[in-house]
């Protein structure tokens, strides 16, 4: 068992996790005023070992009541499908904890803080976004909401894709890289298929680049 002491709006909440990857960890997370969503359910926090100063900047993604089920599903995607992409394509995930707040079921997932000044060009950013999306598809993940820029975070750490509660897992598309349409109307890959709609959409938004990451 692992525990998390969450300092939430002047309240001290005791949360638990039975994930074997977290066994024996006892930490404290102190939320700060900075909110990353309008409803305040995604907040910046400082994380550290229990009874020590919390110094690690993280993101706390919280849910109440029936919405905890969506957080549970997202956590399973992070741990079962995206573990090998954490810290490069998606944020590092530091655990999901459960408890009750004022009698209501509550969940809190801790993620890598991925904000900061961008130090690369727009072209490099677009290239990194396309590579990240390709890797998601190679991992069998169809995000379904990537046309909304809120799910793609760019910082000095690179590109991170977030929000996986509503994704399709075990996705298989026509190659894990975008298919490119030649000016003469043919597909660069030689396929008669127009390819994966999500990858095609990303090409339209972020530019026609062949990243060589097809299966």
C-alpha atoms as a PDB file:
ATOM      1  CA  UNK A   1       0.000   0.000   0.000  1.00  0.00           C
ATOM      2  CA  UNK A   2       1.057   3.604  -0.663  1.00  0.00           C
ATOM      3  CA  UNK A   3      -0.375   6.792   0.800  1.00  0.00           C
ATOM      4  CA  UNK A   4      -0.724  10.391  -0.300  1.00  0.00           C
ATOM      5  CA  UNK A   5      -1.434  13.275   2.039  1.00  0.00           C
ATOM      6  CA  UNK A   6      -3.125  15.886  -0.162  1.00  0.00           C
ATOM      7  CA  UNK A   7      -3.390  19.480   1.034  1.00  0.00           C
ATOM      8  CA  UNK A   8      -6.634  20.511  -0.683  1.00  0.00           C
ATOM      9  CA  UNK A   9      -8.193  23.954  -0.100  1.00  0.00           C
ATOM     10  CA  UNK A  10      -7.024  24.173   3.524  1.00  0.00           C
ATOM     11  CA  UNK A  11      -8.080  20.543   4.079  1.00  0.00           C
ATOM     12  CA  UNK A  12      -5.806  17.598   4.706  1.00  0.00           C
ATOM     13  CA  UNK A  13      -6.999  14.539   2.750  1.00  0.00           C
ATOM     14  CA  UNK A  14      -5.589  11.062   3.283  1.00  0.00           C
ATOM     15  CA  UNK A  15      -5.541   9.006   0.072  1.00  0.00           C
ATOM     16  CA  UNK A  16      -4.407   5.456  -0.690  1.00  0.00           C
ATOM     17  CA  UNK A  17      -3.101   3.370  -3.568  1.00  0.00           C
ATOM     18  CA  UNK A  18      -2.802  -0.404  -3.854  1.00  0.00           C
ATOM     19  CA  UNK A  19      -0.777  -0.310  -7.063  1.00  0.00           C
ATOM     20  CA  UNK A  20       2.233  -2.614  -6.497  1.00  0.00           C
ATOM     21  CA  UNK A  21       4.462  -0.159  -8.388  1.00  0.00           C
ATOM     22  CA  UNK A  22       3.904   2.374  -5.591  1.00  0.00           C
ATOM     23  CA  UNK A  23       4.183  -0.006  -2.636  1.00  0.00           C
ATOM     24  CA  UNK A  24       5.784   1.589   0.400  1.00  0.00           C
ATOM     25  CA  UNK A  25       5.677   5.161  -0.905  1.00  0.00           C
ATOM     26  CA  UNK A  26       4.240   7.720   1.505  1.00  0.00           C
ATOM     27  CA  UNK A  27       4.097  11.223   0.052  1.00  0.00           C
ATOM     28  CA  UNK A  28       2.606  14.665   0.513  1.00  0.00           C
ATOM     29  CA  UNK A  29       1.227  16.842  -2.299  1.00  0.00           C
ATOM     30  CA  UNK A  30       0.474  20.506  -1.668  1.00  0.00           C
ATOM     31  CA  UNK A  31      -1.785  22.163  -4.223  1.00  0.00           C
ATOM     32  CA  UNK A  32      -0.994  25.718  -5.284  1.00  0.00           C
ATOM     33  CA  UNK A  33      -3.425  28.345  -6.540  1.00  0.00           C
ATOM     34  CA  UNK A  34      -2.518  27.828 -10.204  1.00  0.00           C
ATOM     35  CA  UNK A  35      -5.374  26.065 -11.993  1.00  0.00           C
ATOM     36  CA  UNK A  36      -4.852  24.406 -15.357  1.00  0.00           C
ATOM     37  CA  UNK A  37      -8.561  23.949 -16.132  1.00  0.00           C
ATOM     38  CA  UNK A  38     -11.571  26.182 -15.545  1.00  0.00           C
ATOM     39  CA  UNK A  39     -13.219  23.707 -13.159  1.00  0.00           C
ATOM     40  CA  UNK A  40     -10.090  23.540 -11.014  1.00  0.00           C
ATOM     41  CA  UNK A  41      -9.821  19.747 -11.230  1.00  0.00           C
ATOM     42  CA  UNK A  42      -6.349  19.938 -12.777  1.00  0.00           C
ATOM     43  CA  UNK A  43      -3.969  21.819 -10.509  1.00  0.00           C
ATOM     44  CA  UNK A  44      -0.275  22.383 -10.000  1.00  0.00           C
ATOM     45  CA  UNK A  45       1.156  20.848  -6.829  1.00  0.00           C
ATOM     46  CA  UNK A  46       4.420  20.280  -4.999  1.00  0.00           C
ATOM     47  CA  UNK A  47       5.196  16.641  -4.208  1.00  0.00           C
ATOM     48  CA  UNK A  48       7.628  15.145  -1.731  1.00  0.00           C
ATOM     49  CA  UNK A  49       8.163  12.350   0.812  1.00  0.00           C
ATOM     50  CA  UNK A  50       5.932  12.466   3.896  1.00  0.00           C
ATOM     51  CA  UNK A  51       7.315  14.676   6.693  1.00  0.00           C
ATOM     52  CA  UNK A  52       9.752  16.366   4.309  1.00  0.00           C
ATOM     53  CA  UNK A  53       9.498  19.553   2.286  1.00  0.00           C
ATOM     54  CA  UNK A  54       7.582  18.995  -0.957  1.00  0.00           C
ATOM     55  CA  UNK A  55       9.773  20.315  -3.778  1.00  0.00           C
ATOM     56  CA  UNK A  56       8.899  18.376  -6.954  1.00  0.00           C
ATOM     57  CA  UNK A  57       6.529  20.286  -9.246  1.00  0.00           C
ATOM     58  CA  UNK A  58       3.758  18.014 -10.564  1.00  0.00           C
ATOM     59  CA  UNK A  59       0.242  18.159 -11.969  1.00  0.00           C
ATOM     60  CA  UNK A  60      -2.615  16.823  -9.841  1.00  0.00           C
ATOM     61  CA  UNK A  61      -5.578  15.628 -11.902  1.00  0.00           C
ATOM     62  CA  UNK A  62      -8.598  15.129  -9.646  1.00  0.00           C
ATOM     63  CA  UNK A  63     -12.083  13.670  -9.976  1.00  0.00           C
ATOM     64  CA  UNK A  64     -15.137  13.324  -7.744  1.00  0.00           C
ATOM     65  CA  UNK A  65     -17.976  10.811  -7.584  1.00  0.00           C
ATOM     66  CA  UNK A  66     -18.804   8.980 -10.812  1.00  0.00           C
ATOM     67  CA  UNK A  67     -16.018  10.833 -12.655  1.00  0.00           C
ATOM     68  CA  UNK A  68     -13.422   8.827 -10.709  1.00  0.00           C
ATOM     69  CA  UNK A  69     -14.127   5.917 -13.083  1.00  0.00           C
ATOM     70  CA  UNK A  70     -12.783   7.993 -15.989  1.00  0.00           C
ATOM     71  CA  UNK A  71      -9.632   8.765 -14.000  1.00  0.00           C
ATOM     72  CA  UNK A  72      -9.234   5.052 -13.225  1.00  0.00           C
ATOM     73  CA  UNK A  73      -9.444   4.217 -16.926  1.00  0.00           C
ATOM     74  CA  UNK A  74      -6.938   6.911 -17.863  1.00  0.00           C
ATOM     75  CA  UNK A  75      -4.499   5.609 -15.267  1.00  0.00           C
ATOM     76  CA  UNK A  76      -4.748   2.096 -16.688  1.00  0.00           C
ATOM     77  CA  UNK A  77      -3.954   3.451 -20.167  1.00  0.00           C
ATOM     78  CA  UNK A  78      -0.871   5.211 -18.772  1.00  0.00           C
ATOM     79  CA  UNK A  79       0.339   2.091 -16.975  1.00  0.00           C
ATOM     80  CA  UNK A  80      -0.743  -0.695 -19.355  1.00  0.00           C
ATOM     81  CA  UNK A  81      -0.398   0.901 -22.799  1.00  0.00           C
ATOM     82  CA  UNK A  82       1.867   3.933 -22.457  1.00  0.00           C
ATOM     83  CA  UNK A  83       4.420   3.052 -19.802  1.00  0.00           C
ATOM     84  CA  UNK A  84       7.226   2.880 -22.393  1.00  0.00           C
ATOM     85  CA  UNK A  85       6.317   6.363 -23.711  1.00  0.00           C
ATOM     86  CA  UNK A  86       6.195   8.116 -20.341  1.00  0.00           C
ATOM     87  CA  UNK A  87       8.637  10.994 -20.132  1.00  0.00           C
ATOM     88  CA  UNK A  88       8.979  11.287 -23.907  1.00  0.00           C
ATOM     89  CA  UNK A  89       5.591  11.251 -25.667  1.00  0.00           C
ATOM     90  CA  UNK A  90       3.276  11.390 -22.637  1.00  0.00           C
ATOM     91  CA  UNK A  91       3.909  12.732 -19.132  1.00  0.00           C
ATOM     92  CA  UNK A  92       5.464  10.586 -16.442  1.00  0.00           C
ATOM     93  CA  UNK A  93       2.694   9.185 -14.250  1.00  0.00           C
ATOM     94  CA  UNK A  94       3.477   9.111 -10.530  1.00  0.00           C
ATOM     95  CA  UNK A  95       0.404   7.240  -9.337  1.00  0.00           C
ATOM     96  CA  UNK A  96      -3.340   7.305  -8.742  1.00  0.00           C
ATOM     97  CA  UNK A  97      -4.727   7.597  -5.221  1.00  0.00           C
ATOM     98  CA  UNK A  98      -8.260   7.188  -3.880  1.00  0.00           C
ATOM     99  CA  UNK A  99     -10.158   8.347  -0.832  1.00  0.00           C
ATOM    100  CA  UNK A 100     -13.138  10.446   0.189  1.00  0.00           C
ATOM    101  CA  UNK A 101     -13.594  14.209   0.409  1.00  0.00           C
ATOM    102  CA  UNK A 102     -16.578  15.351   2.458  1.00  0.00           C
ATOM    103  CA  UNK A 103     -18.094  11.890   2.091  1.00  0.00           C
ATOM    104  CA  UNK A 104     -17.758  11.769  -1.693  1.00  0.00           C
ATOM    105  CA  UNK A 105     -15.524   9.361  -3.590  1.00  0.00           C
ATOM    106  CA  UNK A 106     -12.355  11.122  -4.748  1.00  0.00           C
ATOM    107  CA  UNK A 107      -9.387  10.296  -6.965  1.00  0.00           C
ATOM    108  CA  UNK A 108      -6.108  12.104  -7.631  1.00  0.00           C
ATOM    109  CA  UNK A 109      -3.600  11.191 -10.346  1.00  0.00           C
ATOM    110  CA  UNK A 110      -0.136  12.756 -10.263  1.00  0.00           C
ATOM    111  CA  UNK A 111       1.611  13.566 -13.530  1.00  0.00           C
ATOM    112  CA  UNK A 112       4.816  15.180 -14.754  1.00  0.00           C
ATOM    113  CA  UNK A 113       4.693  18.985 -14.929  1.00  0.00           C
ATOM    114  CA  UNK A 114       5.310  19.824 -18.590  1.00  0.00           C
ATOM    115  CA  UNK A 115       5.148  23.594 -18.820  1.00  0.00           C
ATOM    116  CA  UNK A 116       7.917  26.000 -19.701  1.00  0.00           C
ATOM    117  CA  UNK A 117       9.323  28.179 -22.444  1.00  0.00           C
ATOM    118  CA  UNK A 118       9.575  26.598 -25.895  1.00  0.00           C
ATOM    119  CA  UNK A 119      13.124  26.817 -27.254  1.00  0.00           C
ATOM    120  CA  UNK A 120      12.598  25.336 -30.722  1.00  0.00           C
ATOM    121  CA  UNK A 121      11.066  26.495 -33.988  1.00  0.00           C
ATOM    122  CA  UNK A 122       7.495  25.986 -35.176  1.00  0.00           C
ATOM    123  CA  UNK A 123       8.811  23.524 -37.758  1.00  0.00           C
ATOM    124  CA  UNK A 124      10.577  21.513 -35.051  1.00  0.00           C
ATOM    125  CA  UNK A 125       7.443  21.624 -32.908  1.00  0.00           C
ATOM    126  CA  UNK A 126       5.291  20.305 -35.737  1.00  0.00           C
ATOM    127  CA  UNK A 127       7.811  17.574 -36.432  1.00  0.00           C
ATOM    128  CA  UNK A 128       7.813  16.509 -32.769  1.00  0.00           C
ATOM    129  CA  UNK A 129       4.007  16.499 -32.646  1.00  0.00           C
ATOM    130  CA  UNK A 130       3.780  14.239 -35.684  1.00  0.00           C
ATOM    131  CA  UNK A 131       6.390  11.865 -34.280  1.00  0.00           C
ATOM    132  CA  UNK A 132       4.524  11.740 -30.961  1.00  0.00           C
ATOM    133  CA  UNK A 133       1.221  10.927 -32.658  1.00  0.00           C
ATOM    134  CA  UNK A 134       2.930   8.214 -34.728  1.00  0.00           C
ATOM    135  CA  UNK A 135       4.272   6.626 -31.542  1.00  0.00           C
ATOM    136  CA  UNK A 136       0.826   6.694 -29.939  1.00  0.00           C
ATOM    137  CA  UNK A 137      -0.551   4.796 -32.920  1.00  0.00           C
ATOM    138  CA  UNK A 138       2.341   2.336 -32.807  1.00  0.00           C
ATOM    139  CA  UNK A 139       1.293   1.704 -29.194  1.00  0.00           C
ATOM    140  CA  UNK A 140      -2.265   1.026 -30.362  1.00  0.00           C
ATOM    141  CA  UNK A 141      -3.793   4.269 -29.063  1.00  0.00           C
ATOM    142  CA  UNK A 142      -6.353   6.262 -31.040  1.00  0.00           C
ATOM    143  CA  UNK A 143      -6.735   9.523 -29.116  1.00  0.00           C
ATOM    144  CA  UNK A 144      -9.807  10.907 -30.961  1.00  0.00           C
ATOM    145  CA  UNK A 145      -9.382  14.508 -29.716  1.00  0.00           C
ATOM    146  CA  UNK A 146      -6.005  15.646 -31.028  1.00  0.00           C
ATOM    147  CA  UNK A 147      -7.530  18.333 -33.233  1.00  0.00           C
ATOM    148  CA  UNK A 148      -8.115  20.178 -29.949  1.00  0.00           C
ATOM    149  CA  UNK A 149      -4.752  21.765 -29.169  1.00  0.00           C
ATOM    150  CA  UNK A 150      -5.424  21.543 -25.422  1.00  0.00           C
ATOM    151  CA  UNK A 151      -4.328  17.887 -25.503  1.00  0.00           C
ATOM    152  CA  UNK A 152      -0.861  18.674 -26.902  1.00  0.00           C
ATOM    153  CA  UNK A 153       1.588  20.406 -24.554  1.00  0.00           C
ATOM    154  CA  UNK A 154       4.805  21.951 -25.865  1.00  0.00           C
ATOM    155  CA  UNK A 155       7.583  23.068 -23.525  1.00  0.00           C
ATOM    156  CA  UNK A 156      11.363  22.987 -23.113  1.00  0.00           C
ATOM    157  CA  UNK A 157      10.918  19.267 -22.342  1.00  0.00           C
ATOM    158  CA  UNK A 158       9.509  18.660 -25.814  1.00  0.00           C
ATOM    159  CA  UNK A 159       6.014  17.550 -26.793  1.00  0.00           C
ATOM    160  CA  UNK A 160       3.679  15.682 -24.452  1.00  0.00           C
ATOM    161  CA  UNK A 161       0.214  14.397 -25.343  1.00  0.00           C
ATOM    162  CA  UNK A 162      -2.319  14.217 -22.490  1.00  0.00           C
ATOM    163  CA  UNK A 163      -5.879  13.140 -21.617  1.00  0.00           C
ATOM    164  CA  UNK A 164      -6.466   9.447 -22.271  1.00  0.00           C
ATOM    165  CA  UNK A 165      -9.787   8.717 -20.557  1.00  0.00           C
ATOM    166  CA  UNK A 166     -11.708   8.519 -23.840  1.00  0.00           C
ATOM    167  CA  UNK A 167      -9.177   6.885 -26.156  1.00  0.00           C
ATOM    168  CA  UNK A 168      -9.506   3.681 -28.173  1.00  0.00           C
ATOM    169  CA  UNK A 169      -6.966   1.011 -27.186  1.00  0.00           C
ATOM    170  CA  UNK A 170      -5.667  -1.804 -29.401  1.00  0.00           C
ATOM    171  CA  UNK A 171      -6.104   0.510 -32.386  1.00  0.00           C
ATOM    172  CA  UNK A 172      -4.658  -0.740 -35.659  1.00  0.00           C
ATOM    173  CA  UNK A 173      -4.485   1.636 -38.590  1.00  0.00           C
ATOM    174  CA  UNK A 174      -3.025   1.463 -42.104  1.00  0.00           C
ATOM    175  CA  UNK A 175       0.521   2.034 -40.879  1.00  0.00           C
ATOM    176  CA  UNK A 176       1.716   3.920 -37.844  1.00  0.00           C
ATOM    177  CA  UNK A 177       2.854   6.903 -39.865  1.00  0.00           C
ATOM    178  CA  UNK A 178       0.992   9.453 -41.990  1.00  0.00           C
ATOM    179  CA  UNK A 179       0.321   8.642 -45.627  1.00  0.00           C
ATOM    180  CA  UNK A 180       1.262  11.538 -47.885  1.00  0.00           C
ATOM    181  CA  UNK A 181      -0.641  12.557 -50.968  1.00  0.00           C
ATOM    182  CA  UNK A 182       1.498  13.421 -53.992  1.00  0.00           C
ATOM    183  CA  UNK A 183       0.438  16.453 -56.093  1.00  0.00           C
ATOM    184  CA  UNK A 184      -0.505  14.034 -58.890  1.00  0.00           C
ATOM    185  CA  UNK A 185      -3.113  12.502 -56.596  1.00  0.00           C
ATOM    186  CA  UNK A 186      -1.316   9.266 -55.690  1.00  0.00           C
ATOM    187  CA  UNK A 187      -0.272   8.215 -52.177  1.00  0.00           C
ATOM    188  CA  UNK A 188       3.454   8.319 -51.458  1.00  0.00           C
ATOM    189  CA  UNK A 189       3.254   4.944 -49.710  1.00  0.00           C
ATOM    190  CA  UNK A 190       1.811   3.345 -52.838  1.00  0.00           C
ATOM    191  CA  UNK A 191      -1.279   2.263 -50.922  1.00  0.00           C
ATOM    192  CA  UNK A 192      -4.733   2.596 -52.437  1.00  0.00           C
ATOM    193  CA  UNK A 193      -6.092   3.361 -48.962  1.00  0.00           C
ATOM    194  CA  UNK A 194      -6.284   6.934 -47.668  1.00  0.00           C
ATOM    195  CA  UNK A 195      -4.781   5.733 -44.396  1.00  0.00           C
ATOM    196  CA  UNK A 196      -5.709   6.391 -40.777  1.00  0.00           C
ATOM    197  CA  UNK A 197      -8.095   9.370 -40.455  1.00  0.00           C
ATOM    198  CA  UNK A 198      -6.457  10.669 -37.268  1.00  0.00           C
ATOM    199  CA  UNK A 199      -2.978  10.612 -38.804  1.00  0.00           C
ATOM    200  CA  UNK A 200      -4.289  12.260 -41.949  1.00  0.00           C
ATOM    201  CA  UNK A 201      -5.929  14.974 -39.860  1.00  0.00           C
ATOM    202  CA  UNK A 202      -2.693  15.611 -37.972  1.00  0.00           C
ATOM    203  CA  UNK A 203      -0.860  15.977 -41.288  1.00  0.00           C
ATOM    204  CA  UNK A 204      -3.359  18.621 -42.377  1.00  0.00           C
ATOM    205  CA  UNK A 205      -2.897  20.560 -39.138  1.00  0.00           C
ATOM    206  CA  UNK A 206       0.853  20.229 -38.610  1.00  0.00           C
ATOM    207  CA  UNK A 207       2.232  19.902 -42.134  1.00  0.00           C
ATOM    208  CA  UNK A 208       3.075  17.175 -44.616  1.00  0.00           C
ATOM    209  CA  UNK A 209       6.200  15.501 -43.310  1.00  0.00           C
ATOM    210  CA  UNK A 210       7.255  11.889 -43.837  1.00  0.00           C
ATOM    211  CA  UNK A 211       8.731  10.655 -40.550  1.00  0.00           C
ATOM    212  CA  UNK A 212       9.453   7.112 -41.652  1.00  0.00           C
ATOM    213  CA  UNK A 213       7.656   5.526 -38.704  1.00  0.00           C
ATOM    214  CA  UNK A 214       5.247   3.244 -40.508  1.00  0.00           C
ATOM    215  CA  UNK A 215       4.992  -0.363 -39.455  1.00  0.00           C
END
